[in-house]
Protein backbone atom coordinates (compact mmCIF):
# COMPACT_ATOMS: atom_id res chain seq x y z
CA UNK A 1 33.84 -18.87 128.94
CA UNK A 2 34.26 -16.20 131.62
CA UNK A 3 36.71 -14.12 129.66
CA UNK A 4 36.94 -10.78 127.93
CA UNK A 5 34.19 -10.56 125.27
CA UNK A 6 32.71 -13.74 126.68
CA UNK A 7 31.02 -15.89 124.09
CA UNK A 8 27.37 -16.69 124.80
CA UNK A 9 27.31 -19.31 122.05
CA UNK A 10 27.85 -22.96 122.86
CA UNK A 11 28.36 -25.11 119.78
CA UNK A 12 28.75 -28.77 120.61
CA UNK A 13 31.66 -30.30 118.72
CA UNK A 14 30.00 -33.50 117.57
CA UNK A 15 30.84 -33.86 113.86
CA UNK A 16 33.14 -32.52 111.16
CA UNK A 17 30.71 -29.79 110.10
CA UNK A 18 30.80 -28.34 113.65
CA UNK A 19 34.55 -27.73 113.61
CA UNK A 20 34.78 -24.40 111.78
CA UNK A 21 32.42 -22.42 114.02
CA UNK A 22 33.50 -24.22 117.20
CA UNK A 23 37.15 -23.51 116.48
CA UNK A 24 36.36 -19.90 115.56
CA UNK A 25 34.85 -19.31 119.02
CA UNK A 26 37.94 -20.79 120.70
CA UNK A 27 40.35 -18.81 118.52
CA UNK A 28 38.45 -15.54 118.79
CA UNK A 29 38.21 -15.82 122.58
CA UNK A 30 41.92 -16.63 122.89
CA UNK A 31 42.90 -13.71 120.66
CA UNK A 32 40.65 -11.28 122.52
CA UNK A 33 42.33 -12.33 125.76
CA UNK A 34 45.80 -12.18 124.17
CA UNK A 35 46.62 -15.85 124.81
CA UNK A 36 46.34 -17.35 121.31
CA UNK A 37 50.12 -17.49 120.95
CA UNK A 38 50.24 -19.88 123.93
CA UNK A 39 47.63 -22.36 122.61
CA UNK A 40 47.83 -22.19 118.80
CA UNK A 41 47.44 -25.82 117.61
CA UNK A 42 49.18 -25.08 114.31
CA UNK A 43 52.45 -24.66 116.24
CA UNK A 44 54.65 -27.38 117.65
CA UNK A 45 54.79 -27.54 121.43
CA UNK A 46 58.44 -26.50 121.52
CA UNK A 47 57.72 -23.47 119.34
CA UNK A 48 55.12 -22.03 121.72
CA UNK A 49 56.16 -19.22 124.07
CA UNK A 50 55.74 -20.04 127.75
CA UNK A 51 53.35 -18.02 129.87
CA UNK A 52 55.71 -17.06 132.67
CA UNK A 53 54.85 -14.85 135.67
CA UNK A 54 56.77 -11.58 135.92
CA UNK A 55 59.80 -11.44 138.17
CA UNK A 56 59.21 -9.67 141.44
CA UNK A 57 61.73 -6.85 141.90
CA UNK A 58 64.12 -6.81 144.84
CA UNK A 59 66.06 -3.95 146.44
CA UNK A 60 69.17 -5.36 144.73
CA UNK A 61 67.65 -4.37 141.36
CA UNK A 62 68.27 -0.72 142.19
CA UNK A 63 71.23 -1.13 144.55
CA UNK A 64 73.30 -4.32 144.07
CA UNK A 65 74.42 -4.45 147.72
CA UNK A 66 70.95 -3.91 149.19
CA UNK A 67 69.15 -6.80 150.88
CA UNK A 68 66.13 -4.92 152.28
CA UNK A 69 64.20 -1.76 151.46
CA UNK A 70 65.82 -0.05 154.44
CA UNK A 71 69.14 -0.23 152.58
CA UNK A 72 67.81 2.15 149.89
CA UNK A 73 68.07 5.93 149.91
CA UNK A 74 65.09 8.06 148.88
CA UNK A 75 65.96 8.13 145.17
CA UNK A 76 66.57 4.38 145.08
CA UNK A 77 63.34 3.76 146.99
CA UNK A 78 61.41 5.76 144.38
CA UNK A 79 62.99 3.68 141.60
CA UNK A 80 62.15 0.47 143.47
CA UNK A 81 58.53 1.53 143.96
CA UNK A 82 58.22 2.21 140.25
CA UNK A 83 59.57 -1.28 139.48
CA UNK A 84 57.18 -2.81 141.99
CA UNK A 85 54.18 -0.95 140.54
CA UNK A 86 55.06 -2.26 137.08
CA UNK A 87 55.45 -5.74 138.51
CA UNK A 88 51.94 -5.57 140.02
CA UNK A 89 50.49 -4.44 136.68
CA UNK A 90 52.30 -7.24 134.83
CA UNK A 91 51.16 -9.75 137.44
CA UNK A 92 47.52 -8.76 136.97
CA UNK A 93 47.85 -9.23 133.21
CA UNK A 94 49.51 -12.61 133.76
CA UNK A 95 46.76 -13.77 136.11
CA UNK A 96 44.07 -12.73 133.64
CA UNK A 97 45.83 -14.66 130.88
CA UNK A 98 46.12 -17.73 133.09
CA UNK A 99 42.42 -17.48 133.92
CA UNK A 100 41.53 -17.07 130.24
CA UNK A 101 43.42 -20.23 129.29
CA UNK A 102 41.78 -22.11 132.17
CA UNK A 103 38.34 -20.95 131.02
CA UNK A 104 39.07 -22.02 127.44
CA UNK A 105 40.18 -25.41 128.69
CA UNK A 106 36.90 -25.82 130.60
CA UNK A 107 34.94 -24.69 127.53
CA UNK A 108 36.62 -27.33 125.39
CA UNK A 109 35.59 -30.05 127.82
CA UNK A 110 32.02 -28.74 128.15
CA UNK A 111 31.43 -28.40 124.41
CA UNK A 112 33.14 -31.54 123.12
CA UNK A 113 30.65 -34.33 122.57
CA UNK A 114 30.97 -37.50 124.59
CA UNK A 115 32.05 -39.32 121.42
CA UNK A 116 35.29 -37.29 121.31
CA UNK A 117 35.98 -36.68 124.99
CA UNK A 118 38.15 -39.84 125.23
CA UNK A 119 40.53 -38.21 122.75
CA UNK A 120 41.39 -35.41 125.16
CA UNK A 121 41.14 -37.40 128.39
CA UNK A 122 44.51 -37.14 130.12
CA UNK A 123 45.70 -34.17 128.06
CA UNK A 124 46.49 -31.25 130.35
CA UNK A 125 46.99 -28.26 128.08
CA UNK A 126 44.67 -26.38 125.73
CA UNK A 127 47.30 -26.70 123.02
CA UNK A 128 47.36 -30.50 123.27
CA UNK A 129 43.57 -30.76 123.31
CA UNK A 130 43.16 -28.51 120.29
CA UNK A 131 45.81 -30.37 118.34
CA UNK A 132 44.14 -33.74 118.91
CA UNK A 133 40.64 -32.46 118.12
CA UNK A 134 41.89 -30.62 115.05
CA UNK A 135 43.53 -33.78 113.74
CA UNK A 136 40.29 -35.72 114.27
CA UNK A 137 37.71 -33.19 113.11
CA UNK A 138 39.17 -30.34 111.09
CA UNK A 139 38.42 -30.79 107.39
CA UNK A 140 41.28 -30.78 104.90
CA UNK A 141 41.55 -27.72 102.66
CA UNK A 142 40.15 -29.59 99.66
CA UNK A 143 37.39 -31.15 101.75
CA UNK A 144 36.55 -27.80 103.29
CA UNK A 145 36.26 -26.21 99.86
CA UNK A 146 34.09 -29.04 98.58
CA UNK A 147 31.73 -28.80 101.56
CA UNK A 148 31.56 -25.00 101.26
CA UNK A 149 30.68 -25.23 97.56
CA UNK A 150 27.95 -27.82 98.22
CA UNK A 151 26.46 -25.58 100.91
CA UNK A 152 26.61 -22.47 98.74
CA UNK A 153 25.13 -24.24 95.71
CA UNK A 154 22.24 -25.66 97.75
CA UNK A 155 21.25 -22.17 98.93
CA UNK A 156 21.15 -20.70 95.43
CA UNK A 157 17.60 -22.00 95.10
CA UNK A 158 15.04 -20.72 97.60
CA UNK A 159 12.90 -23.37 99.25
CA UNK A 160 9.42 -21.93 99.87
CA UNK A 161 9.14 -23.87 103.11
CA UNK A 162 12.08 -21.94 104.55
CA UNK A 163 11.83 -18.81 106.65
CA UNK A 164 13.18 -16.03 104.42
CA UNK A 165 15.26 -14.36 107.17
CA UNK A 166 16.87 -17.65 108.15
CA UNK A 167 17.53 -18.52 104.51
CA UNK A 168 19.16 -15.13 103.91
CA UNK A 169 21.35 -15.57 106.98
CA UNK A 170 22.40 -18.99 105.73
CA UNK A 171 23.08 -17.50 102.28
CA UNK A 172 25.26 -14.80 103.82
CA UNK A 173 27.20 -17.30 105.94
CA UNK A 174 27.71 -19.70 103.04
CA UNK A 175 28.93 -16.84 100.85
CA UNK A 176 31.36 -15.59 103.53
CA UNK A 177 32.84 -19.06 103.93
CA UNK A 178 33.19 -19.50 100.16
CA UNK A 179 34.79 -16.06 99.93
CA UNK A 180 37.30 -16.88 102.67
CA UNK A 181 38.23 -20.06 100.80
CA UNK A 182 38.53 -18.03 97.56
CA UNK A 183 36.17 -20.28 95.62
CA UNK A 184 35.85 -19.25 91.94
CA UNK A 185 32.04 -19.37 92.27
CA UNK A 186 32.01 -16.23 94.42
CA UNK A 187 34.50 -14.12 92.47
CA UNK A 188 33.53 -10.92 90.67
CA UNK A 189 29.84 -10.51 89.86
CA UNK A 190 29.01 -14.23 89.95
CA UNK A 191 27.54 -14.31 93.46
CA UNK A 192 25.48 -11.18 92.74
CA UNK A 193 23.72 -12.80 89.79
CA UNK A 194 23.31 -15.98 91.84
CA UNK A 195 21.60 -13.90 94.51
CA UNK A 196 19.32 -12.24 91.97
CA UNK A 197 18.19 -15.62 90.64
CA UNK A 198 17.64 -16.86 94.19
CA UNK A 199 15.40 -13.97 95.26
CA UNK A 200 13.49 -13.63 91.97
CA UNK A 201 10.65 -15.97 93.10
CA UNK A 202 10.29 -13.95 96.31
CA UNK A 203 10.54 -10.41 94.93
CA UNK A 204 10.66 -10.31 91.12
CA UNK A 205 10.47 -6.50 90.88
CA UNK A 206 13.34 -5.99 93.32
CA UNK A 207 15.37 -8.69 91.56
CA UNK A 208 14.77 -7.12 88.14
CA UNK A 209 15.80 -3.65 89.30
CA UNK A 210 18.91 -5.03 90.98
CA UNK A 211 19.83 -6.99 87.87
CA UNK A 212 19.54 -3.92 85.64
CA UNK A 213 21.68 -1.92 88.06
CA UNK A 214 24.36 -4.61 88.14
CA UNK A 215 24.44 -4.89 84.35
CA UNK A 216 25.02 -1.13 84.07
CA UNK A 217 27.67 -1.20 86.78
CA UNK A 218 29.51 -4.15 85.24
CA UNK A 219 29.34 -2.49 81.82
CA UNK A 220 31.24 0.49 83.24
CA UNK A 221 33.93 -1.84 84.64
CA UNK A 222 33.10 -0.86 88.21
CA UNK A 223 33.86 -3.17 91.11
CA UNK A 224 30.87 -5.21 92.28
CA UNK A 225 29.02 -3.87 95.32
CA UNK A 226 29.15 -5.65 98.66
CA UNK A 227 27.04 -8.80 98.47
CA UNK A 228 26.53 -8.60 102.24
CA UNK A 229 25.11 -5.10 101.86
CA UNK A 230 22.76 -6.31 99.10
CA UNK A 231 21.51 -9.09 101.36
CA UNK A 232 20.81 -6.59 104.15
CA UNK A 233 19.07 -4.22 101.73
CA UNK A 234 16.87 -7.05 100.47
CA UNK A 235 16.09 -8.08 104.06
CA UNK A 236 14.83 -4.55 104.74
CA UNK A 237 12.84 -4.51 101.50
CA UNK A 238 11.26 -7.86 102.32
CA UNK A 239 10.32 -6.78 105.86
CA UNK A 240 8.71 -3.59 104.53
CA UNK A 241 6.87 -5.64 101.92
CA UNK A 242 5.58 -8.04 104.57
CA UNK A 243 4.57 -5.19 106.87
CA UNK A 244 2.63 -3.50 104.05
CA UNK A 245 0.91 -6.79 103.18
CA UNK A 246 -0.06 -7.36 106.82
CA UNK A 247 -1.40 -3.80 107.10
CA UNK A 248 -3.43 -4.19 103.91
CA UNK A 249 -4.94 -7.47 105.13
CA UNK A 250 -5.84 -5.90 108.45
CA UNK A 251 -7.54 -2.94 106.73
CA UNK A 252 -9.52 -5.22 104.45
CA UNK A 253 -10.66 -7.23 107.43
CA UNK A 254 -11.77 -4.07 109.18
CA UNK A 255 -13.82 -2.93 106.18
CA UNK A 256 -15.37 -6.38 105.93
CA UNK A 257 -16.81 -6.06 109.44
CA UNK A 258 -18.44 -2.65 108.80
């Protein structure tokens, strides 16, 4: 989308699990370009404001009997010029908003899989297209919560075949989604202890120290620390650990060739 804060991510809307991120990109782009109120699919068509161009001022706006600029005196001409300058500014904003909506419309067509394109064929507005796609693909609240819990639960056990960085990113994303949905499984200290158990096979010393720190913190009735921050701290620890291991292996190899 060629818009303010243009998204470089193209998620193809092909199945129910694609909806959340795909819709987020649409919504975020529309909000950044200040046009969400014109396309919000949760609103009825008649409840949406209309994107209308600004009214061009006329000499009659400053002098009711004037028909041309030549009918204005110097003071009136200054007032008219101020109105016209504001009109030009408002027109530029309007044109940018129109372009943003057009770009979003194109993005919807480009990123909707061929299986769902027939649903929006013939629909002219972004609002109509989003409403139809939302009805077809957006999960219900209960379904969304169930899927989020399944995803979060699956990531609580580290699979040794997974790349650690990618697994941690998935863990973070699954946690954030569960948090947004206010799942009981991620309330209080529960996700922190889940995280400790998940990383214990990778870094038992780090996990043990973190666990002891959390137990002390919880015992003092302190709020839990940011789980996102803990994930980032563990990422840094793991990278340093890997770098040290690589350096040690390289040194041993060097000595072996002497």
